[in-house]
N, C-alpha and C. Protein backbone atom coordinates (compact mmCIF):
# COMPACT_ATOMS: atom_id res chain seq x y z
N MET A 1 92.32 91.61 26.31
CA MET A 1 92.26 90.95 25.17
C MET A 1 91.00 90.52 24.77
N ILE A 2 90.70 90.73 23.63
CA ILE A 2 89.24 90.14 23.23
C ILE A 2 89.24 88.73 23.16
N ASP A 3 88.15 88.35 23.64
CA ASP A 3 87.83 86.76 24.06
C ASP A 3 86.95 86.57 22.83
N LYS A 4 85.84 87.16 22.64
CA LYS A 4 84.80 86.86 21.64
C LYS A 4 84.20 87.94 21.06
N ILE A 5 83.84 87.93 19.87
CA ILE A 5 83.34 89.03 19.08
C ILE A 5 82.23 88.59 17.99
N GLY A 6 81.21 89.29 17.89
CA GLY A 6 80.14 88.62 16.97
C GLY A 6 78.62 89.25 16.93
N VAL A 7 77.85 88.62 16.39
CA VAL A 7 76.46 89.15 16.37
C VAL A 7 75.58 87.90 16.77
N LYS A 8 74.56 88.41 17.46
CA LYS A 8 73.68 87.34 18.11
C LYS A 8 72.29 87.95 18.40
N THR A 9 71.31 86.98 18.41
CA THR A 9 69.96 87.40 18.86
C THR A 9 69.75 87.27 20.34
N THR A 10 69.55 88.14 21.24
CA THR A 10 69.32 87.95 22.74
C THR A 10 67.96 87.45 22.90
N VAL A 11 67.79 86.82 24.18
CA VAL A 11 66.58 86.30 24.63
C VAL A 11 65.72 87.30 25.26
N SER A 12 64.54 87.33 25.47
CA SER A 12 63.67 88.19 26.11
C SER A 12 63.91 87.78 27.66
N GLU A 13 64.19 88.94 28.36
CA GLU A 13 64.45 88.72 29.61
C GLU A 13 64.33 89.91 30.51
N LEU A 14 64.10 89.57 31.97
CA LEU A 14 64.19 90.62 32.62
C LEU A 14 65.66 91.48 33.08
N VAL A 15 65.64 92.79 33.01
CA VAL A 15 67.14 93.23 33.16
C VAL A 15 66.84 94.47 33.93
N ALA A 16 67.90 94.70 34.90
CA ALA A 16 67.92 96.07 35.47
C ALA A 16 68.77 96.83 34.58
N TYR A 17 68.57 97.99 34.80
CA TYR A 17 68.89 99.15 33.87
C TYR A 17 69.41 100.40 34.40
N LYS A 18 70.35 101.36 33.80
CA LYS A 18 70.43 102.65 34.13
C LYS A 18 70.75 103.31 32.90
N THR A 19 70.20 104.48 32.69
CA THR A 19 70.34 105.19 31.54
C THR A 19 71.37 106.19 31.86
N LEU A 20 72.47 106.22 31.01
CA LEU A 20 73.63 106.94 31.40
C LEU A 20 73.65 108.42 30.92
N LYS A 21 74.31 109.24 31.45
CA LYS A 21 74.46 110.68 31.22
C LYS A 21 75.64 110.95 30.46
N THR A 22 75.62 111.85 29.63
CA THR A 22 76.98 112.26 28.96
C THR A 22 78.15 112.34 29.87
N GLY A 23 79.21 111.44 29.52
CA GLY A 23 80.36 111.67 30.30
C GLY A 23 80.50 110.55 31.41
N GLU A 24 79.04 109.78 31.64
CA GLU A 24 79.42 108.70 32.77
C GLU A 24 80.10 107.56 32.10
N SER A 25 80.87 106.91 32.90
CA SER A 25 81.58 105.71 32.31
C SER A 25 80.75 104.38 32.49
N GLU A 26 80.71 103.73 31.33
CA GLU A 26 79.88 102.47 31.20
C GLU A 26 80.45 101.37 32.22
N ALA A 27 81.74 101.26 32.37
CA ALA A 27 82.33 100.36 33.31
C ALA A 27 81.97 100.72 34.74
N VAL A 28 82.00 101.86 35.12
CA VAL A 28 81.92 102.40 36.41
C VAL A 28 80.37 102.08 36.98
N GLU A 29 79.53 102.45 35.84
CA GLU A 29 78.07 102.54 36.21
C GLU A 29 77.66 100.99 36.16
N VAL A 30 78.18 100.13 35.42
CA VAL A 30 77.87 98.66 35.51
C VAL A 30 78.31 98.17 36.92
N ALA A 31 79.60 98.63 37.36
CA ALA A 31 79.74 98.10 38.59
C ALA A 31 78.97 98.66 39.84
N ARG A 32 78.50 99.95 39.59
CA ARG A 32 77.68 100.48 40.70
C ARG A 32 76.21 99.64 40.87
N LEU A 33 75.82 99.59 39.44
CA LEU A 33 74.52 98.78 39.38
C LEU A 33 74.43 97.39 39.96
N SER A 34 75.59 96.84 39.62
CA SER A 34 75.84 95.41 40.12
C SER A 34 75.88 95.35 41.63
N LYS A 35 76.63 96.22 42.19
CA LYS A 35 76.61 96.40 43.73
C LYS A 35 75.44 96.60 44.30
N GLU A 36 74.71 97.60 43.84
CA GLU A 36 73.47 97.82 44.16
C GLU A 36 72.39 96.50 44.22
N LEU A 37 72.48 95.89 43.22
CA LEU A 37 71.58 94.61 42.99
C LEU A 37 71.95 93.60 43.99
N TYR A 38 73.34 93.36 44.15
CA TYR A 38 73.79 92.36 45.24
C TYR A 38 73.46 92.79 46.66
N GLU A 39 73.65 94.09 46.94
CA GLU A 39 73.18 94.57 48.32
C GLU A 39 71.66 94.41 48.59
N LYS A 40 70.94 94.59 47.47
CA LYS A 40 69.50 94.35 47.62
C LYS A 40 68.96 92.82 47.57
N GLY A 41 69.89 91.87 47.46
CA GLY A 41 69.67 90.48 47.49
C GLY A 41 69.27 89.93 46.07
N ALA A 42 69.45 90.82 45.03
CA ALA A 42 68.96 90.07 43.85
C ALA A 42 70.17 89.25 43.19
N ARG A 43 70.09 88.51 42.28
CA ARG A 43 71.06 87.73 41.69
C ARG A 43 71.24 88.22 40.10
N PRO A 44 72.31 89.20 40.08
CA PRO A 44 72.70 89.45 38.54
C PRO A 44 73.15 88.51 37.94
N ARG A 45 72.96 88.56 36.43
CA ARG A 45 73.43 87.20 35.62
C ARG A 45 74.16 87.99 34.55
N ASP A 46 75.08 87.09 33.99
CA ASP A 46 75.79 87.63 32.65
C ASP A 46 74.95 87.61 31.58
N PRO A 47 75.22 88.11 30.53
CA PRO A 47 76.18 89.13 30.29
C PRO A 47 75.51 90.43 30.63
N THR A 48 76.52 91.38 31.24
CA THR A 48 76.21 92.70 31.47
C THR A 48 76.39 93.29 30.05
N MET A 49 75.46 94.22 29.66
CA MET A 49 75.59 95.00 28.48
C MET A 49 75.51 96.65 28.30
N VAL A 50 75.94 97.01 27.34
CA VAL A 50 75.83 98.47 27.05
C VAL A 50 74.94 98.55 25.80
N LEU A 51 73.90 99.20 25.96
CA LEU A 51 73.09 99.48 24.76
C LEU A 51 73.28 100.79 24.14
N PHE A 52 73.72 100.90 22.86
CA PHE A 52 73.91 102.23 22.26
C PHE A 52 72.67 102.44 21.50
N TYR A 53 71.93 103.55 21.68
CA TYR A 53 70.58 103.85 20.88
C TYR A 53 70.98 104.82 19.60
N ASP A 54 72.26 105.31 19.66
CA ASP A 54 72.76 106.13 18.62
C ASP A 54 74.11 105.76 18.27
N PRO A 55 74.80 106.22 17.25
CA PRO A 55 76.37 105.97 16.90
C PRO A 55 76.93 106.45 18.01
N LYS A 56 77.84 105.50 18.69
CA LYS A 56 78.60 105.96 19.92
C LYS A 56 79.50 107.19 19.94
N ASP A 57 79.84 107.59 18.77
CA ASP A 57 80.62 108.70 18.58
C ASP A 57 79.73 110.11 18.37
N GLU A 58 78.50 109.84 18.35
CA GLU A 58 77.46 111.13 18.13
C GLU A 58 77.55 111.74 19.51
N PRO A 59 77.52 113.04 19.58
CA PRO A 59 77.33 113.84 20.77
C PRO A 59 76.00 113.50 21.30
N GLY A 60 75.79 113.40 22.60
CA GLY A 60 74.75 113.09 23.21
C GLY A 60 74.22 111.70 22.92
N CYS A 61 75.02 110.81 22.56
CA CYS A 61 74.71 109.40 22.34
C CYS A 61 73.84 108.80 23.51
N ARG A 62 72.64 108.35 23.15
CA ARG A 62 71.82 107.64 24.25
C ARG A 62 72.23 106.21 24.59
N ARG A 63 72.74 105.82 25.84
CA ARG A 63 73.22 104.60 26.23
C ARG A 63 72.54 104.25 27.56
N GLU A 64 72.67 102.78 27.69
CA GLU A 64 72.09 102.26 29.01
C GLU A 64 73.01 101.09 29.10
N VAL A 65 73.16 100.98 30.67
CA VAL A 65 73.85 99.69 31.00
C VAL A 65 72.62 98.77 31.53
N ILE A 66 72.83 97.49 31.22
CA ILE A 66 71.86 96.69 31.52
C ILE A 66 72.52 95.37 32.01
N ILE A 67 71.68 94.69 33.26
CA ILE A 67 72.18 93.48 33.73
C ILE A 67 70.97 92.63 33.83
N PRO A 68 71.20 91.37 33.41
CA PRO A 68 69.86 90.47 33.49
C PRO A 68 69.86 90.29 35.09
N VAL A 69 68.49 90.04 35.54
CA VAL A 69 68.18 89.77 36.98
C VAL A 69 67.12 88.84 37.02
N ASP A 70 67.17 88.03 38.20
CA ASP A 70 66.24 87.14 38.34
C ASP A 70 64.65 87.58 38.88
N ARG A 71 64.70 88.86 39.29
CA ARG A 71 63.44 89.38 39.72
C ARG A 71 63.51 90.90 39.73
N GLU A 72 62.33 91.53 39.97
CA GLU A 72 62.15 92.85 40.12
C GLU A 72 62.89 93.28 41.35
N VAL A 73 63.43 94.51 41.49
CA VAL A 73 64.22 94.85 42.54
C VAL A 73 63.83 96.33 42.95
N GLU A 74 63.30 96.49 44.25
CA GLU A 74 62.74 97.68 44.81
C GLU A 74 63.96 98.92 44.69
N GLY A 75 63.55 99.91 44.02
CA GLY A 75 64.37 101.11 43.96
C GLY A 75 65.42 100.90 42.74
N VAL A 76 65.22 99.90 42.07
CA VAL A 76 66.13 99.73 40.73
C VAL A 76 65.31 99.74 39.46
N ASP A 77 65.50 100.47 38.55
CA ASP A 77 64.81 100.33 37.24
C ASP A 77 65.00 99.01 36.67
N THR A 78 63.74 98.49 36.17
CA THR A 78 63.89 97.16 35.52
C THR A 78 62.89 97.15 34.44
N LYS A 79 63.27 96.35 33.48
CA LYS A 79 62.11 96.18 32.23
C LYS A 79 62.43 94.75 31.47
N MET A 80 61.51 94.47 30.94
CA MET A 80 61.50 93.10 29.91
C MET A 80 62.40 93.76 28.70
N MET A 81 63.56 93.02 28.38
CA MET A 81 64.07 93.38 27.22
C MET A 81 63.67 92.40 26.21
N PRO A 82 63.22 92.94 24.92
CA PRO A 82 62.85 92.08 23.76
C PRO A 82 63.87 91.15 23.40
N GLU A 83 63.67 90.37 22.29
CA GLU A 83 64.72 89.65 21.59
C GLU A 83 65.18 90.68 20.61
N ILE A 84 66.43 91.01 20.54
CA ILE A 84 66.98 91.94 19.64
C ILE A 84 68.30 91.35 19.11
N LYS A 85 68.56 91.71 17.85
CA LYS A 85 69.84 91.34 17.18
C LYS A 85 70.83 92.49 17.75
N VAL A 86 72.12 91.91 18.34
CA VAL A 86 73.09 92.70 18.63
C VAL A 86 74.46 92.32 18.27
N ALA A 87 75.45 93.30 18.22
CA ALA A 87 76.85 92.94 18.15
C ALA A 87 77.37 92.81 19.50
N PHE A 88 78.23 91.88 19.72
CA PHE A 88 78.84 91.72 21.26
C PHE A 88 80.30 91.65 21.20
N LEU A 89 80.80 91.90 22.31
CA LEU A 89 82.31 91.87 22.54
C LEU A 89 82.54 91.49 23.89
N VAL A 90 83.27 90.53 23.96
CA VAL A 90 83.80 89.91 25.26
C VAL A 90 85.14 90.14 25.34
N PHE A 91 85.72 90.87 26.40
CA PHE A 91 87.01 90.89 26.58
C PHE A 91 87.61 90.67 28.02
N ILE A 92 88.65 90.18 28.06
CA ILE A 92 89.49 89.74 29.28
C ILE A 92 90.28 90.69 29.73
N GLY A 93 90.26 90.93 31.09
CA GLY A 93 91.41 91.78 31.63
C GLY A 93 90.99 93.17 31.63
N THR A 94 91.56 94.21 32.25
CA THR A 94 91.44 95.62 32.37
C THR A 94 92.60 96.44 32.21
N SER A 95 93.55 95.86 31.65
CA SER A 95 94.76 96.59 31.34
C SER A 95 94.68 97.84 30.42
N ARG A 96 93.55 97.91 29.65
CA ARG A 96 93.23 98.95 28.89
C ARG A 96 91.91 99.63 28.97
N PRO A 97 91.69 100.78 28.83
CA PRO A 97 90.39 101.47 28.77
C PRO A 97 89.18 100.70 28.03
N VAL A 98 88.10 100.49 28.39
CA VAL A 98 86.98 99.75 27.43
C VAL A 98 86.91 100.38 26.10
N GLU A 99 87.22 101.79 25.76
CA GLU A 99 87.08 102.18 24.64
C GLU A 99 88.02 101.72 23.61
N GLN A 100 89.02 101.17 24.07
CA GLN A 100 90.14 100.74 23.10
C GLN A 100 89.69 99.28 22.62
N TYR A 101 88.82 98.54 23.42
CA TYR A 101 88.39 97.27 22.82
C TYR A 101 87.12 97.51 21.81
N TYR A 102 86.45 98.64 22.00
CA TYR A 102 85.25 99.06 21.24
C TYR A 102 86.11 99.32 19.81
N GLU A 103 87.10 100.15 19.83
CA GLU A 103 87.81 100.47 18.60
C GLU A 103 88.36 99.16 17.95
N GLU A 104 88.91 98.07 18.41
CA GLU A 104 89.11 97.13 17.79
C GLU A 104 88.11 96.20 17.19
C-alpha cells in the first residue's frame, strides 16, 4: 500500500551508494548495502532511495541505490549528495513487487 507520494527537495548529505547493473533488484541491493553498513558499524538513516538517471523503462537505465549515513565507511562507496528535487514514493508492506508501486 502506498503511504505517501509527492515531490520534495532533498538536503545535502553523506550517502553510501551502489551503482546497479542491468537486472539487479533495487530492493535486494538496498538490503545488501544496509547489511554491509550495519556490519561495519555505520548508522544508516532513512530514507533509502533509488536514483534513476534515465527513464526507468529505457534499456540500460542507469540507477543507484543510496542510503544516508553518519560517516564514511571503509570499503563502501560514499559521496555527498547535493540538494535535488525528487519525486518520492513511500510504501508499506511487501506483498507486491516494488515495480507495481512504481506503476501506481
